[in-house]
Amino acid sequence: MPTADSFAALGRGNGFPFCIINATDSVINAFDGHQDYQKAFVSGAADTLLEVYRVREVSLTEAMGYIWNLYEVSFANFTETSTGDVLSFLNPSRFKYNTTVSEGYVNADEYTPIQRVCNEDLDLPIPRNTYAPFNNGDGGWFVAEADDNDTGDTSAQFAIRSIYYATDTNKYYIIYTSSLRADDESFIEEMPFSGLTFNYYTY
């Protein structure tokens, strides 16, 4: 893995370049499995599932490692439920950042750890609307995405959407997404966190 230059940063006084969001433990964990939908334009048609969010408890050290030092993400082989196809991916994928989720992975920027001091927008508020348009916006993201090895028609994507601190239990959580996407970036299905491998900058 690449070696990063050591540096010191005050950040927001909390170990991060942005303000983490405070909530109670029950409010944070109630968001696990939340689904974003686009309501169908045609009467009787099915609504479109856009995203599924997950909540994962982490230590402060783990949370800081994701934000400051994560370099690449690799995705394990995955069996697509609807087709039975076993997909492999063009691993590893660089971990990037963008303030606007709608611009996709291709328009996100690679940042070395010292450059991430300017990554100040990672604030997905909860609770959240179920249907678009969402009144609390994109909130920025750190994201990795890798095309499949065969056709390139699908890709695996992992994104961190927010860091939360539970004020009543003193626990830290990441809100993340891990999914198989179509070539137009639309959601296909969730992928397990256990299938992710993380590679970090060293110092």
N, C-alpha and C. Protein backbone atom coordinates (compact mmCIF):
# COMPACT_ATOMS: atom_id res chain seq x y z
N MET A 1 0.83 -1.18 0.00
CA MET A 1 0.00 0.00 0.00
C MET A 1 0.88 1.25 0.00
N PRO A 2 0.37 2.35 -0.51
CA PRO A 2 1.19 3.57 -0.57
C PRO A 2 1.47 4.13 0.81
N THR A 3 2.55 4.84 0.92
CA THR A 3 2.91 5.49 2.17
C THR A 3 2.50 6.95 2.10
N ALA A 4 1.73 7.38 3.07
CA ALA A 4 1.26 8.77 3.11
C ALA A 4 2.20 9.61 3.97
N ASP A 5 2.24 10.91 3.67
CA ASP A 5 3.02 11.84 4.49
C ASP A 5 2.30 12.08 5.81
N SER A 6 3.06 12.04 6.90
CA SER A 6 2.47 12.34 8.21
C SER A 6 2.09 13.81 8.29
N PHE A 7 1.02 14.11 9.01
CA PHE A 7 0.57 15.49 9.14
C PHE A 7 -0.28 15.61 10.40
N ALA A 8 -0.52 16.83 10.82
CA ALA A 8 -1.38 17.11 11.96
C ALA A 8 -2.52 18.00 11.49
N ALA A 9 -3.72 17.70 11.94
CA ALA A 9 -4.88 18.51 11.54
C ALA A 9 -5.83 18.63 12.72
N LEU A 10 -6.29 19.85 12.98
CA LEU A 10 -7.25 20.05 14.06
C LEU A 10 -8.62 19.52 13.68
N GLY A 11 -8.94 19.55 12.38
CA GLY A 11 -10.27 19.13 11.94
C GLY A 11 -11.34 19.90 12.67
N ARG A 12 -12.37 19.18 13.10
CA ARG A 12 -13.47 19.82 13.84
C ARG A 12 -13.32 19.61 15.35
N GLY A 13 -12.12 19.20 15.76
CA GLY A 13 -11.91 18.96 17.18
C GLY A 13 -12.47 17.64 17.64
N ASN A 14 -12.87 16.78 16.68
CA ASN A 14 -13.47 15.48 17.02
C ASN A 14 -12.76 14.32 16.35
N GLY A 15 -11.65 14.60 15.67
CA GLY A 15 -10.92 13.56 14.95
C GLY A 15 -11.29 13.44 13.49
N PHE A 16 -12.25 14.27 13.03
CA PHE A 16 -12.72 14.20 11.65
C PHE A 16 -12.69 15.58 11.00
N PRO A 17 -12.69 15.63 9.66
CA PRO A 17 -12.72 16.94 8.98
C PRO A 17 -14.11 17.54 8.88
N PHE A 18 -15.10 16.89 9.46
CA PHE A 18 -16.48 17.35 9.43
C PHE A 18 -17.11 17.12 10.79
N CYS A 19 -18.26 17.72 11.01
CA CYS A 19 -18.98 17.51 12.26
C CYS A 19 -19.72 16.18 12.20
N ILE A 20 -19.45 15.29 13.14
CA ILE A 20 -20.23 14.06 13.20
C ILE A 20 -21.59 14.41 13.80
N ILE A 21 -22.58 13.56 13.52
CA ILE A 21 -23.95 13.85 13.93
C ILE A 21 -24.27 13.10 15.21
N ASN A 22 -24.88 13.78 16.16
CA ASN A 22 -25.27 13.17 17.42
C ASN A 22 -26.74 12.75 17.37
N ALA A 23 -27.01 11.58 17.93
CA ALA A 23 -28.38 11.09 18.07
C ALA A 23 -28.37 10.01 19.15
N THR A 24 -29.53 9.54 19.54
CA THR A 24 -29.57 8.44 20.50
C THR A 24 -29.33 7.12 19.77
N ASP A 25 -28.90 6.14 20.54
CA ASP A 25 -28.59 4.83 19.96
C ASP A 25 -29.80 4.23 19.25
N SER A 26 -30.98 4.38 19.83
CA SER A 26 -32.18 3.79 19.23
C SER A 26 -32.53 4.46 17.91
N VAL A 27 -32.36 5.78 17.82
CA VAL A 27 -32.65 6.49 16.57
C VAL A 27 -31.69 6.05 15.48
N ILE A 28 -30.42 5.93 15.82
CA ILE A 28 -29.41 5.52 14.83
C ILE A 28 -29.70 4.12 14.31
N ASN A 29 -29.91 3.17 15.21
CA ASN A 29 -30.10 1.79 14.79
C ASN A 29 -31.44 1.56 14.11
N ALA A 30 -32.41 2.42 14.37
CA ALA A 30 -33.70 2.29 13.67
C ALA A 30 -33.56 2.57 12.19
N PHE A 31 -32.48 3.26 11.80
CA PHE A 31 -32.26 3.58 10.39
C PHE A 31 -31.69 2.40 9.61
N ASP A 32 -31.20 1.38 10.29
CA ASP A 32 -30.62 0.22 9.61
C ASP A 32 -31.66 -0.45 8.71
N GLY A 33 -31.34 -0.58 7.43
CA GLY A 33 -32.27 -1.16 6.47
C GLY A 33 -33.19 -0.16 5.81
N HIS A 34 -33.03 1.14 6.12
CA HIS A 34 -33.87 2.15 5.47
C HIS A 34 -33.71 2.07 3.95
N GLN A 35 -34.82 2.23 3.24
CA GLN A 35 -34.82 2.15 1.78
C GLN A 35 -35.31 3.44 1.17
N ASP A 36 -34.55 3.93 0.18
CA ASP A 36 -34.99 5.06 -0.64
C ASP A 36 -35.74 4.53 -1.85
N TYR A 37 -36.87 5.17 -2.18
CA TYR A 37 -37.67 4.77 -3.34
C TYR A 37 -37.96 5.95 -4.25
N GLN A 38 -38.12 5.65 -5.51
CA GLN A 38 -38.69 6.59 -6.48
C GLN A 38 -40.10 6.11 -6.79
N LYS A 39 -41.08 6.95 -6.52
CA LYS A 39 -42.47 6.54 -6.77
C LYS A 39 -42.72 6.40 -8.27
N ALA A 40 -43.45 5.36 -8.65
CA ALA A 40 -43.74 5.10 -10.06
C ALA A 40 -44.56 6.23 -10.66
N PHE A 41 -44.24 6.59 -11.89
CA PHE A 41 -44.97 7.65 -12.59
C PHE A 41 -46.28 7.13 -13.19
N VAL A 42 -46.33 5.83 -13.44
CA VAL A 42 -47.50 5.22 -14.06
C VAL A 42 -48.33 4.53 -12.98
N SER A 43 -49.60 4.81 -12.92
CA SER A 43 -50.48 4.21 -11.93
C SER A 43 -50.45 2.68 -12.03
N GLY A 44 -50.24 2.03 -10.89
CA GLY A 44 -50.22 0.58 -10.84
C GLY A 44 -48.85 -0.03 -11.03
N ALA A 45 -47.89 0.76 -11.51
CA ALA A 45 -46.53 0.26 -11.70
C ALA A 45 -45.80 0.21 -10.35
N ALA A 46 -44.78 -0.63 -10.29
CA ALA A 46 -44.04 -0.78 -9.04
C ALA A 46 -43.11 0.42 -8.81
N ASP A 47 -42.97 0.82 -7.56
CA ASP A 47 -41.99 1.85 -7.22
C ASP A 47 -40.59 1.29 -7.42
N THR A 48 -39.61 2.18 -7.63
CA THR A 48 -38.24 1.77 -7.89
C THR A 48 -37.39 1.92 -6.64
N LEU A 49 -36.76 0.83 -6.21
CA LEU A 49 -35.86 0.87 -5.07
C LEU A 49 -34.55 1.52 -5.50
N LEU A 50 -34.16 2.59 -4.81
CA LEU A 50 -32.97 3.35 -5.18
C LEU A 50 -31.75 2.99 -4.34
N GLU A 51 -31.96 2.71 -3.05
CA GLU A 51 -30.82 2.49 -2.16
C GLU A 51 -31.28 1.84 -0.87
N VAL A 52 -30.39 1.05 -0.26
CA VAL A 52 -30.61 0.48 1.06
C VAL A 52 -29.44 0.89 1.94
N TYR A 53 -29.75 1.44 3.11
CA TYR A 53 -28.72 1.95 4.03
C TYR A 53 -28.53 0.98 5.18
N ARG A 54 -27.28 0.86 5.62
CA ARG A 54 -26.96 0.01 6.75
C ARG A 54 -26.21 0.80 7.81
N VAL A 55 -26.40 0.36 9.06
CA VAL A 55 -25.75 0.97 10.20
C VAL A 55 -24.80 -0.06 10.81
N ARG A 56 -23.55 0.34 11.05
CA ARG A 56 -22.56 -0.58 11.60
C ARG A 56 -21.81 0.11 12.74
N GLU A 57 -21.79 -0.55 13.90
CA GLU A 57 -21.03 -0.01 15.02
C GLU A 57 -19.54 -0.17 14.77
N VAL A 58 -18.78 0.89 15.05
CA VAL A 58 -17.33 0.86 14.88
C VAL A 58 -16.69 1.58 16.07
N SER A 59 -15.42 1.32 16.28
CA SER A 59 -14.70 2.11 17.28
C SER A 59 -14.34 3.46 16.68
N LEU A 60 -13.95 4.40 17.51
CA LEU A 60 -13.50 5.69 17.01
C LEU A 60 -12.29 5.52 16.09
N THR A 61 -11.38 4.63 16.46
CA THR A 61 -10.20 4.38 15.63
C THR A 61 -10.58 3.83 14.26
N GLU A 62 -11.54 2.90 14.22
CA GLU A 62 -12.00 2.36 12.94
C GLU A 62 -12.64 3.44 12.08
N ALA A 63 -13.49 4.26 12.70
CA ALA A 63 -14.17 5.32 11.95
C ALA A 63 -13.16 6.29 11.36
N MET A 64 -12.18 6.68 12.14
CA MET A 64 -11.15 7.59 11.64
C MET A 64 -10.33 6.94 10.54
N GLY A 65 -10.08 5.64 10.65
CA GLY A 65 -9.33 4.92 9.62
C GLY A 65 -10.03 4.96 8.27
N TYR A 66 -11.35 4.76 8.27
CA TYR A 66 -12.11 4.83 7.02
C TYR A 66 -11.98 6.21 6.38
N ILE A 67 -12.14 7.24 7.17
CA ILE A 67 -12.20 8.61 6.63
C ILE A 67 -10.83 9.12 6.22
N TRP A 68 -9.82 8.89 7.03
CA TRP A 68 -8.51 9.46 6.75
C TRP A 68 -7.61 8.56 5.91
N ASN A 69 -7.67 7.24 6.12
CA ASN A 69 -6.60 6.37 5.62
C ASN A 69 -7.02 5.28 4.63
N LEU A 70 -8.33 5.10 4.39
CA LEU A 70 -8.73 4.04 3.47
C LEU A 70 -8.29 4.39 2.05
N TYR A 71 -7.59 3.47 1.43
CA TYR A 71 -7.01 3.69 0.10
C TYR A 71 -7.78 2.96 -0.99
N GLU A 72 -8.06 1.68 -0.76
CA GLU A 72 -8.73 0.85 -1.78
C GLU A 72 -9.71 -0.10 -1.12
N VAL A 73 -10.71 -0.50 -1.91
CA VAL A 73 -11.67 -1.51 -1.48
C VAL A 73 -11.71 -2.60 -2.54
N SER A 74 -11.69 -3.86 -2.11
CA SER A 74 -11.85 -4.99 -3.02
C SER A 74 -13.16 -5.70 -2.69
N PHE A 75 -13.80 -6.24 -3.73
CA PHE A 75 -15.10 -6.89 -3.60
C PHE A 75 -14.97 -8.37 -3.91
N ALA A 76 -15.51 -9.20 -3.03
CA ALA A 76 -15.51 -10.64 -3.25
C ALA A 76 -16.47 -11.01 -4.38
N ASN A 77 -16.27 -12.20 -4.97
CA ASN A 77 -17.21 -12.70 -5.97
C ASN A 77 -18.62 -12.71 -5.38
N PHE A 78 -19.60 -12.46 -6.25
CA PHE A 78 -20.97 -12.29 -5.77
C PHE A 78 -21.94 -12.95 -6.73
N THR A 79 -22.90 -13.69 -6.20
CA THR A 79 -23.92 -14.34 -7.02
C THR A 79 -25.15 -13.44 -7.13
N GLU A 80 -25.43 -12.97 -8.33
CA GLU A 80 -26.60 -12.12 -8.55
C GLU A 80 -27.87 -12.94 -8.40
N THR A 81 -28.74 -12.49 -7.52
CA THR A 81 -29.92 -13.28 -7.17
C THR A 81 -30.83 -13.53 -8.37
N SER A 82 -31.08 -12.52 -9.16
CA SER A 82 -32.07 -12.64 -10.23
C SER A 82 -31.62 -13.53 -11.38
N THR A 83 -30.31 -13.63 -11.60
CA THR A 83 -29.80 -14.39 -12.75
C THR A 83 -29.03 -15.65 -12.36
N GLY A 84 -28.55 -15.70 -11.12
CA GLY A 84 -27.70 -16.81 -10.69
C GLY A 84 -26.27 -16.68 -11.18
N ASP A 85 -25.95 -15.59 -11.89
CA ASP A 85 -24.58 -15.39 -12.39
C ASP A 85 -23.63 -15.09 -11.23
N VAL A 86 -22.44 -15.71 -11.30
CA VAL A 86 -21.40 -15.42 -10.32
C VAL A 86 -20.50 -14.34 -10.90
N LEU A 87 -20.46 -13.20 -10.24
CA LEU A 87 -19.73 -12.04 -10.75
C LEU A 87 -18.42 -11.87 -10.01
N SER A 88 -17.37 -11.56 -10.75
CA SER A 88 -16.11 -11.11 -10.15
C SER A 88 -15.87 -9.69 -10.63
N PHE A 89 -14.98 -8.99 -9.94
CA PHE A 89 -14.85 -7.56 -10.17
C PHE A 89 -13.41 -7.14 -10.40
N LEU A 90 -13.26 -6.00 -11.07
CA LEU A 90 -11.94 -5.46 -11.38
C LEU A 90 -11.37 -4.79 -10.13
N ASN A 91 -10.86 -5.63 -9.23
CA ASN A 91 -10.34 -5.16 -7.95
C ASN A 91 -8.88 -4.75 -8.06
N PRO A 92 -8.40 -3.91 -7.15
CA PRO A 92 -9.17 -3.15 -6.16
C PRO A 92 -9.68 -1.85 -6.75
N SER A 93 -10.53 -1.16 -5.99
CA SER A 93 -11.10 0.11 -6.43
C SER A 93 -10.63 1.21 -5.48
N ARG A 94 -10.18 2.33 -6.06
CA ARG A 94 -9.75 3.45 -5.25
C ARG A 94 -10.92 4.08 -4.50
N PHE A 95 -10.67 4.47 -3.28
CA PHE A 95 -11.66 5.11 -2.42
C PHE A 95 -11.64 6.60 -2.71
N LYS A 96 -12.78 7.18 -3.12
CA LYS A 96 -12.84 8.57 -3.56
C LYS A 96 -13.86 9.35 -2.73
N TYR A 97 -13.91 10.66 -2.98
CA TYR A 97 -14.82 11.53 -2.24
C TYR A 97 -15.49 12.52 -3.19
N ASN A 98 -16.75 12.81 -2.89
CA ASN A 98 -17.46 13.86 -3.62
C ASN A 98 -18.54 14.43 -2.71
N THR A 99 -18.80 15.72 -2.84
CA THR A 99 -19.87 16.34 -2.06
C THR A 99 -21.24 16.04 -2.63
N THR A 100 -21.30 15.52 -3.86
CA THR A 100 -22.57 15.29 -4.54
C THR A 100 -22.68 13.84 -4.99
N VAL A 101 -23.55 13.07 -4.34
CA VAL A 101 -23.73 11.66 -4.66
C VAL A 101 -24.22 11.47 -6.09
N SER A 102 -25.10 12.37 -6.56
CA SER A 102 -25.72 12.22 -7.87
C SER A 102 -24.72 12.27 -9.03
N GLU A 103 -23.51 12.79 -8.79
CA GLU A 103 -22.51 12.85 -9.85
C GLU A 103 -21.80 11.51 -10.05
N GLY A 104 -22.02 10.56 -9.16
CA GLY A 104 -21.48 9.23 -9.35
C GLY A 104 -20.01 9.09 -9.00
N TYR A 105 -19.57 7.83 -9.08
CA TYR A 105 -18.17 7.52 -8.74
C TYR A 105 -17.19 8.11 -9.73
N VAL A 106 -17.57 8.13 -11.00
CA VAL A 106 -16.64 8.58 -12.04
C VAL A 106 -16.22 10.03 -11.84
N ASN A 107 -17.07 10.84 -11.23
CA ASN A 107 -16.76 12.25 -11.01
C ASN A 107 -16.25 12.54 -9.60
N ALA A 108 -16.10 11.50 -8.79
CA ALA A 108 -15.53 11.68 -7.46
C ALA A 108 -14.02 11.84 -7.57
N ASP A 109 -13.41 12.40 -6.53
CA ASP A 109 -11.99 12.73 -6.56
C ASP A 109 -11.20 11.85 -5.60
N GLU A 110 -9.99 11.45 -6.04
CA GLU A 110 -9.07 10.75 -5.16
C GLU A 110 -8.35 11.78 -4.29
N TYR A 111 -8.27 11.50 -3.01
CA TYR A 111 -7.58 12.39 -2.10
C TYR A 111 -6.60 11.59 -1.25
N THR A 112 -5.38 12.11 -1.10
CA THR A 112 -4.47 11.54 -0.13
C THR A 112 -4.96 11.92 1.26
N PRO A 113 -4.48 11.28 2.31
CA PRO A 113 -4.97 11.62 3.65
C PRO A 113 -4.87 13.10 3.99
N ILE A 114 -3.75 13.75 3.66
CA ILE A 114 -3.61 15.16 4.03
C ILE A 114 -4.61 16.04 3.28
N GLN A 115 -5.01 15.63 2.08
CA GLN A 115 -5.98 16.41 1.32
C GLN A 115 -7.41 16.24 1.86
N ARG A 116 -7.64 15.21 2.64
CA ARG A 116 -8.99 14.94 3.13
C ARG A 116 -9.42 15.89 4.24
N VAL A 117 -8.50 16.72 4.70
CA VAL A 117 -8.87 17.72 5.69
C VAL A 117 -9.93 18.68 5.15
N CYS A 118 -10.05 18.76 3.82
CA CYS A 118 -11.04 19.63 3.18
C CYS A 118 -12.36 18.91 2.87
N ASN A 119 -12.45 17.62 3.16
CA ASN A 119 -13.67 16.86 2.87
C ASN A 119 -14.67 17.08 4.00
N GLU A 120 -15.38 18.21 3.93
CA GLU A 120 -16.15 18.69 5.07
C GLU A 120 -17.63 18.34 5.02
N ASP A 121 -18.08 17.63 4.00
CA ASP A 121 -19.51 17.37 3.85
C ASP A 121 -19.77 15.87 3.87
N LEU A 122 -20.24 15.37 5.00
CA LEU A 122 -20.63 13.97 5.13
C LEU A 122 -21.72 13.91 6.19
N ASP A 123 -22.90 14.40 5.84
CA ASP A 123 -23.91 14.68 6.86
C ASP A 123 -25.29 14.20 6.46
N LEU A 124 -25.43 12.91 6.20
CA LEU A 124 -26.75 12.37 5.87
C LEU A 124 -27.61 12.37 7.13
N PRO A 125 -28.60 13.27 7.23
CA PRO A 125 -29.42 13.32 8.45
C PRO A 125 -30.45 12.19 8.47
N ILE A 126 -30.75 11.72 9.66
CA ILE A 126 -31.82 10.73 9.85
C ILE A 126 -32.75 11.25 10.95
N PRO A 127 -34.05 10.85 10.89
CA PRO A 127 -34.70 10.01 9.86
C PRO A 127 -34.74 10.70 8.50
N ARG A 128 -35.11 9.92 7.49
CA ARG A 128 -35.04 10.38 6.10
C ARG A 128 -36.33 10.01 5.38
N ASN A 129 -36.72 10.84 4.41
CA ASN A 129 -37.89 10.51 3.60
C ASN A 129 -37.71 9.14 2.94
N THR A 130 -38.81 8.46 2.71
CA THR A 130 -38.77 7.19 1.98
C THR A 130 -38.78 7.42 0.48
N TYR A 131 -39.49 8.45 0.03
CA TYR A 131 -39.64 8.69 -1.41
C TYR A 131 -38.92 9.96 -1.84
N ALA A 132 -38.33 9.90 -3.05
CA ALA A 132 -37.72 11.09 -3.66
C ALA A 132 -38.82 12.08 -4.03
N PRO A 133 -38.56 13.41 -3.99
CA PRO A 133 -37.27 14.03 -3.62
C PRO A 133 -37.05 14.01 -2.11
N PHE A 134 -35.78 13.87 -1.73
CA PHE A 134 -35.44 13.75 -0.32
C PHE A 134 -35.14 15.13 0.25
N ASN A 135 -35.80 15.46 1.34
CA ASN A 135 -35.70 16.82 1.87
C ASN A 135 -34.37 17.09 2.55
N ASN A 136 -33.54 16.05 2.73
CA ASN A 136 -32.26 16.28 3.37
C ASN A 136 -31.08 16.00 2.44
N GLY A 137 -31.33 15.95 1.15
CA GLY A 137 -30.26 15.99 0.16
C GLY A 137 -29.33 14.80 0.14
N ASP A 138 -28.18 15.02 -0.52
CA ASP A 138 -27.20 13.95 -0.71
C ASP A 138 -26.30 13.78 0.51
N GLY A 139 -25.74 14.87 1.00
CA GLY A 139 -24.88 14.79 2.16
C GLY A 139 -23.45 14.38 1.88
N GLY A 140 -23.06 14.21 0.62
CA GLY A 140 -21.69 13.81 0.30
C GLY A 140 -21.45 12.33 0.56
N TRP A 141 -20.31 11.83 0.05
CA TRP A 141 -19.97 10.42 0.29
C TRP A 141 -18.49 10.15 0.00
N PHE A 142 -17.98 9.12 0.68
CA PHE A 142 -16.74 8.46 0.31
C PHE A 142 -17.15 7.16 -0.36
N VAL A 143 -16.57 6.86 -1.55
CA VAL A 143 -17.12 5.77 -2.35
C VAL A 143 -16.03 5.03 -3.13
N ALA A 144 -16.23 3.72 -3.26
CA ALA A 144 -15.40 2.87 -4.12
C ALA A 144 -16.34 2.08 -5.02
N GLU A 145 -15.94 1.87 -6.27
CA GLU A 145 -16.80 1.16 -7.22
C GLU A 145 -15.93 0.40 -8.23
N ALA A 146 -16.27 -0.87 -8.47
CA ALA A 146 -15.50 -1.70 -9.39
C ALA A 146 -16.42 -2.41 -10.37
N ASP A 147 -16.12 -2.31 -11.68
CA ASP A 147 -16.91 -3.00 -12.70
C ASP A 147 -16.72 -4.51 -12.60
N ASP A 148 -17.72 -5.26 -13.10
CA ASP A 148 -17.55 -6.71 -13.14
C ASP A 148 -16.55 -7.09 -14.23
N ASN A 149 -15.95 -8.24 -14.09
CA ASN A 149 -14.88 -8.68 -14.99
C ASN A 149 -15.38 -9.14 -16.35
N ASP A 150 -16.65 -9.47 -16.46
CA ASP A 150 -17.15 -10.11 -17.67
C ASP A 150 -17.68 -9.12 -18.70
N THR A 151 -18.77 -8.45 -18.39
CA THR A 151 -19.41 -7.58 -19.37
C THR A 151 -19.25 -6.10 -19.05
N GLY A 152 -18.96 -5.80 -17.80
CA GLY A 152 -18.94 -4.40 -17.39
C GLY A 152 -20.32 -3.78 -17.27
N ASP A 153 -21.35 -4.62 -17.37
CA ASP A 153 -22.73 -4.12 -17.28
C ASP A 153 -23.16 -3.88 -15.84
N THR A 154 -22.42 -4.43 -14.89
CA THR A 154 -22.73 -4.22 -13.49
C THR A 154 -21.46 -3.78 -12.76
N SER A 155 -21.64 -3.23 -11.57
CA SER A 155 -20.50 -2.83 -10.75
C SER A 155 -20.85 -3.03 -9.29
N ALA A 156 -19.81 -3.25 -8.49
CA ALA A 156 -19.96 -3.33 -7.04
C ALA A 156 -19.61 -1.97 -6.46
N GLN A 157 -20.39 -1.52 -5.49
CA GLN A 157 -20.17 -0.19 -4.92
C GLN A 157 -20.26 -0.24 -3.40
N PHE A 158 -19.32 0.43 -2.76
CA PHE A 158 -19.35 0.61 -1.31
C PHE A 158 -19.19 2.09 -1.03
N ALA A 159 -20.05 2.63 -0.15
CA ALA A 159 -19.98 4.06 0.16
C ALA A 159 -20.25 4.29 1.64
N ILE A 160 -19.50 5.21 2.23
CA ILE A 160 -19.77 5.68 3.58
C ILE A 160 -20.50 7.00 3.46
N ARG A 161 -21.67 7.07 4.09
CA ARG A 161 -22.53 8.23 3.95
C ARG A 161 -22.53 9.15 5.16
N SER A 162 -22.17 8.62 6.33
CA SER A 162 -22.16 9.47 7.51
C SER A 162 -21.51 8.74 8.68
N ILE A 163 -21.04 9.53 9.65
CA ILE A 163 -20.55 9.02 10.92
C ILE A 163 -21.47 9.56 12.01
N TYR A 164 -21.95 8.66 12.87
CA TYR A 164 -22.85 9.06 13.95
C TYR A 164 -22.26 8.70 15.32
N TYR A 165 -22.57 9.54 16.28
CA TYR A 165 -22.19 9.29 17.68
C TYR A 165 -23.46 9.19 18.51
N ALA A 166 -23.60 8.07 19.23
CA ALA A 166 -24.77 7.86 20.09
C ALA A 166 -24.49 8.49 21.46
N THR A 167 -25.22 9.55 21.78
CA THR A 167 -24.96 10.32 22.99
C THR A 167 -25.30 9.56 24.27
N ASP A 168 -26.20 8.57 24.18
CA ASP A 168 -26.61 7.86 25.39
C ASP A 168 -25.78 6.61 25.66
N THR A 169 -25.04 6.11 24.65
CA THR A 169 -24.23 4.90 24.84
C THR A 169 -22.75 5.13 24.53
N ASN A 170 -22.41 6.34 24.05
CA ASN A 170 -21.03 6.68 23.69
C ASN A 170 -20.45 5.75 22.62
N LYS A 171 -21.31 5.33 21.69
CA LYS A 171 -20.87 4.46 20.61
C LYS A 171 -20.81 5.24 19.29
N TYR A 172 -19.93 4.78 18.39
CA TYR A 172 -19.81 5.36 17.06
C TYR A 172 -20.38 4.40 16.03
N TYR A 173 -20.98 4.97 15.00
CA TYR A 173 -21.57 4.17 13.92
C TYR A 173 -21.22 4.79 12.57
N ILE A 174 -21.04 3.92 11.56
CA ILE A 174 -21.02 4.41 10.19
C ILE A 174 -22.35 4.05 9.54
N ILE A 175 -22.84 4.96 8.72
CA ILE A 175 -23.96 4.65 7.84
C ILE A 175 -23.38 4.43 6.46
N TYR A 176 -23.61 3.25 5.90
CA TYR A 176 -22.97 2.89 4.64
C TYR A 176 -23.95 2.20 3.71
N THR A 177 -23.55 2.09 2.45
CA THR A 177 -24.27 1.30 1.47
C THR A 177 -23.28 0.35 0.80
N SER A 178 -23.74 -0.84 0.46
CA SER A 178 -22.91 -1.82 -0.25
C SER A 178 -23.83 -2.55 -1.21
N SER A 179 -23.61 -2.37 -2.51
CA SER A 179 -24.62 -2.83 -3.46
C SER A 179 -24.05 -3.17 -4.83
N LEU A 180 -24.81 -3.96 -5.55
CA LEU A 180 -24.57 -4.22 -6.96
C LEU A 180 -25.38 -3.22 -7.76
N ARG A 181 -24.71 -2.55 -8.72
CA ARG A 181 -25.36 -1.51 -9.51
C ARG A 181 -25.37 -1.90 -10.99
N ALA A 182 -26.39 -1.40 -11.70
CA ALA A 182 -26.45 -1.58 -13.15
C ALA A 182 -25.53 -0.56 -13.82
N ASP A 183 -25.37 -0.65 -15.15
CA ASP A 183 -24.45 0.25 -15.83
C ASP A 183 -24.93 1.70 -15.84
N ASP A 184 -26.20 1.93 -15.49
CA ASP A 184 -26.70 3.30 -15.35
C ASP A 184 -26.68 3.75 -13.89
N GLU A 185 -25.97 3.01 -13.04
CA GLU A 185 -25.81 3.31 -11.62
C GLU A 185 -27.05 2.97 -10.79
N SER A 186 -28.09 2.40 -11.41
CA SER A 186 -29.29 2.06 -10.65
C SER A 186 -29.03 0.85 -9.75
N PHE A 187 -29.77 0.81 -8.66
CA PHE A 187 -29.62 -0.24 -7.65
C PHE A 187 -30.14 -1.58 -8.17
N ILE A 188 -29.38 -2.67 -7.93
CA ILE A 188 -29.85 -4.01 -8.25
C ILE A 188 -30.16 -4.78 -6.97
N GLU A 189 -29.15 -4.92 -6.10
CA GLU A 189 -29.37 -5.59 -4.83
C GLU A 189 -28.21 -5.31 -3.88
N GLU A 190 -28.44 -5.59 -2.60
CA GLU A 190 -27.41 -5.40 -1.60
C GLU A 190 -26.29 -6.43 -1.74
N MET A 191 -25.09 -6.04 -1.30
CA MET A 191 -23.96 -6.95 -1.20
C MET A 191 -23.49 -6.94 0.25
N PRO A 192 -23.01 -8.09 0.76
CA PRO A 192 -22.68 -8.18 2.19
C PRO A 192 -21.39 -7.43 2.54
N PHE A 193 -21.38 -6.85 3.72
CA PHE A 193 -20.18 -6.18 4.24
C PHE A 193 -19.03 -7.16 4.38
N SER A 194 -19.35 -8.41 4.67
CA SER A 194 -18.32 -9.44 4.86
C SER A 194 -17.54 -9.72 3.58
N GLY A 195 -18.07 -9.30 2.42
CA GLY A 195 -17.38 -9.52 1.15
C GLY A 195 -16.43 -8.39 0.77
N LEU A 196 -16.21 -7.43 1.68
CA LEU A 196 -15.35 -6.29 1.42
C LEU A 196 -13.98 -6.48 2.06
N THR A 197 -12.94 -6.09 1.34
CA THR A 197 -11.59 -6.07 1.90
C THR A 197 -11.05 -4.64 1.78
N PHE A 198 -10.52 -4.13 2.89
CA PHE A 198 -10.05 -2.75 2.93
C PHE A 198 -8.53 -2.68 3.00
N ASN A 199 -7.96 -1.82 2.16
CA ASN A 199 -6.53 -1.57 2.16
C ASN A 199 -6.30 -0.11 2.53
N TYR A 200 -5.37 0.12 3.44
CA TYR A 200 -5.17 1.46 4.00
C TYR A 200 -3.79 2.03 3.66
N TYR A 201 -3.73 3.36 3.64
CA TYR A 201 -2.43 4.03 3.58
C TYR A 201 -1.61 3.65 4.82
N THR A 202 -0.30 3.58 4.64
CA THR A 202 0.60 3.41 5.77
C THR A 202 1.39 4.72 5.94
N TYR A 203 2.08 4.83 7.08
CA TYR A 203 2.86 6.03 7.37
C TYR A 203 4.27 5.64 7.77
